[in-house]
C-alpha atoms as a PDB file:
ATOM      1  CA  MET A   1     -31.656 -52.635  58.173  1.00  0.00           C
ATOM      2  CA  ASP A   2     -34.461 -50.556  59.873  1.00  0.00           C
ATOM      3  CA  THR A   3     -34.930 -50.466  63.756  1.00  0.00           C
ATOM      4  CA  LEU A   4     -38.722 -50.162  64.823  1.00  0.00           C
ATOM      5  CA  THR A   5     -40.166 -49.580  68.529  1.00  0.00           C
ATOM      6  CA  ILE A   6     -43.432 -51.838  68.972  1.00  0.00           C
ATOM      7  CA  LYS A   7     -45.799 -51.939  72.023  1.00  0.00           C
ATOM      8  CA  ILE A   8     -46.994 -55.707  72.548  1.00  0.00           C
ATOM      9  CA  ARG A   9     -50.636 -56.061  73.532  1.00  0.00           C
ATOM     10  CA  ASN A  10     -50.792 -59.910  73.676  1.00  0.00           C
ATOM     11  CA  LYS A  11     -48.935 -62.475  74.798  1.00  0.00           C
ATOM     12  CA  ASN A  12     -49.053 -64.438  71.846  1.00  0.00           C
ATOM     13  CA  ALA A  13     -47.729 -61.583  69.844  1.00  0.00           C
ATOM     14  CA  LEU A  14     -44.596 -61.886  71.961  1.00  0.00           C
ATOM     15  CA  LYS A  15     -44.280 -65.421  71.577  1.00  0.00           C
ATOM     16  CA  LEU A  16     -44.645 -64.873  67.613  1.00  0.00           C
ATOM     17  CA  LEU A  17     -41.916 -62.391  67.878  1.00  0.00           C
ATOM     18  CA  GLN A  18     -39.530 -64.579  69.651  1.00  0.00           C
ATOM     19  CA  ASP A  19     -40.240 -67.466  67.022  1.00  0.00           C
ATOM     20  CA  LEU A  20     -39.139 -64.774  64.499  1.00  0.00           C
ATOM     21  CA  GLU A  21     -36.119 -64.221  66.446  1.00  0.00           C
ATOM     22  CA  GLN A  22     -35.278 -67.865  66.259  1.00  0.00           C
ATOM     23  CA  LEU A  23     -35.549 -68.224  62.454  1.00  0.00           C
ATOM     24  CA  LYS A  24     -33.066 -65.304  62.510  1.00  0.00           C
ATOM     25  CA  LEU A  25     -35.618 -63.119  60.668  1.00  0.00           C
ATOM     26  CA  ILE A  26     -35.615 -60.088  63.354  1.00  0.00           C
ATOM     27  CA  GLN A  27     -33.254 -59.359  66.702  1.00  0.00           C
ATOM     28  CA  ILE A  28     -35.318 -58.367  69.726  1.00  0.00           C
ATOM     29  CA  VAL A  29     -33.539 -55.405  71.183  1.00  0.00           C
ATOM     30  CA  SER A  30     -34.560 -54.283  74.548  1.00  0.00           C
ATOM     31  CA  GLU A  31     -33.925 -50.611  75.850  1.00  0.00           C
ATOM     32  CA  PRO A  32     -32.368 -50.432  79.212  1.00  0.00           C
ATOM     33  CA  LYS A  33     -34.955 -49.375  81.743  1.00  0.00           C
ATOM     34  CA  GLN A  34     -34.556 -46.127  82.992  1.00  0.00           C
ATOM     35  CA  VAL A  35     -34.264 -45.586  86.854  1.00  0.00           C
ATOM     36  CA  SER A  36     -36.546 -43.128  88.208  1.00  0.00           C
ATOM     37  CA  LYS A  37     -34.750 -39.881  89.604  1.00  0.00           C
ATOM     38  CA  LYS A  38     -37.289 -39.281  92.385  1.00  0.00           C
ATOM     39  CA  LYS A  39     -36.729 -39.667  96.035  1.00  0.00           C
ATOM     40  CA  ILE A  40     -38.567 -42.582  97.709  1.00  0.00           C
ATOM     41  CA  SER A  41     -40.432 -39.866  99.753  1.00  0.00           C
ATOM     42  CA  GLU A  42     -41.805 -38.441  96.590  1.00  0.00           C
ATOM     43  CA  THR A  43     -43.027 -41.654  95.523  1.00  0.00           C
ATOM     44  CA  LEU A  44     -44.536 -42.624  98.543  1.00  0.00           C
ATOM     45  CA  ALA A  45     -46.152 -39.258  99.794  1.00  0.00           C
ATOM     46  CA  GLY A  46     -49.691 -39.266 100.004  1.00  0.00           C
ATOM     47  CA  SER A  47     -50.129 -43.042  99.958  1.00  0.00           C
ATOM     48  CA  ILE A  48     -51.528 -43.507 103.336  1.00  0.00           C
ATOM     49  CA  GLY A  49     -54.026 -41.098 105.056  1.00  0.00           C
ATOM     50  CA  LYS A  50     -53.432 -38.798 108.058  1.00  0.00           C
ATOM     51  CA  LYS A  51     -55.557 -40.941 110.159  1.00  0.00           C
ATOM     52  CA  GLU A  52     -53.542 -44.128 109.378  1.00  0.00           C
ATOM     53  CA  ALA A  53     -50.179 -42.026 109.757  1.00  0.00           C
ATOM     54  CA  ALA A  54     -51.117 -41.313 113.148  1.00  0.00           C
ATOM     55  CA  ILE A  55     -51.974 -44.850 114.114  1.00  0.00           C
ATOM     56  CA  TYR A  56     -48.554 -45.918 112.998  1.00  0.00           C
ATOM     57  CA  HIS A  57     -46.315 -43.097 114.652  1.00  0.00           C
ATOM     58  CA  ARG A  58     -48.435 -44.328 117.997  1.00  0.00           C
ATOM     59  CA  ALA A  59     -47.329 -47.921 117.296  1.00  0.00           C
ATOM     60  CA  ILE A  60     -43.914 -46.851 116.460  1.00  0.00           C
ATOM     61  CA  LYS A  61     -43.438 -44.997 119.621  1.00  0.00           C
ATOM     62  CA  THR A  62     -44.926 -47.696 121.475  1.00  0.00           C
ATOM     63  CA  MET A  63     -42.558 -50.074 120.060  1.00  0.00           C
ATOM     64  CA  ARG A  64     -39.356 -47.738 120.794  1.00  0.00           C
ATOM     65  CA  ASP A  65     -40.418 -46.975 124.151  1.00  0.00           C
ATOM     66  CA  GLU A  66     -40.630 -50.687 125.013  1.00  0.00           C
ATOM     67  CA  TRP A  67     -37.064 -51.407 123.055  1.00  0.00           C
ATOM     68  CA  GLU A  68     -35.310 -48.754 125.295  1.00  0.00           C
ATOM     69  CA  ARG A  69     -36.942 -49.722 128.769  1.00  0.00           C
ATOM     70  CA  ASN A  70     -34.788 -51.683 131.307  1.00  0.00           C
ATOM     71  CA  SER A  71     -35.668 -55.278 130.666  1.00  0.00           C
ATOM     72  CA  TYR A  72     -34.026 -56.627 133.791  1.00  0.00           C
END
């Protein structure tokens, strides 16, 4: 028996392969997904602009100040 790696380009192709598996002509073996070793900060770096980041920082500071003030 041979093991092949294929790239599915169409939903119909996947359905066809599943049908072949049901007929016991092939066996679909999925590879385990590899977990990314990147830190979340590395993944998200540069996802928002400096202007937006400044707006978010001001909003967070305001929320923290409101949370820590005496409410009685």
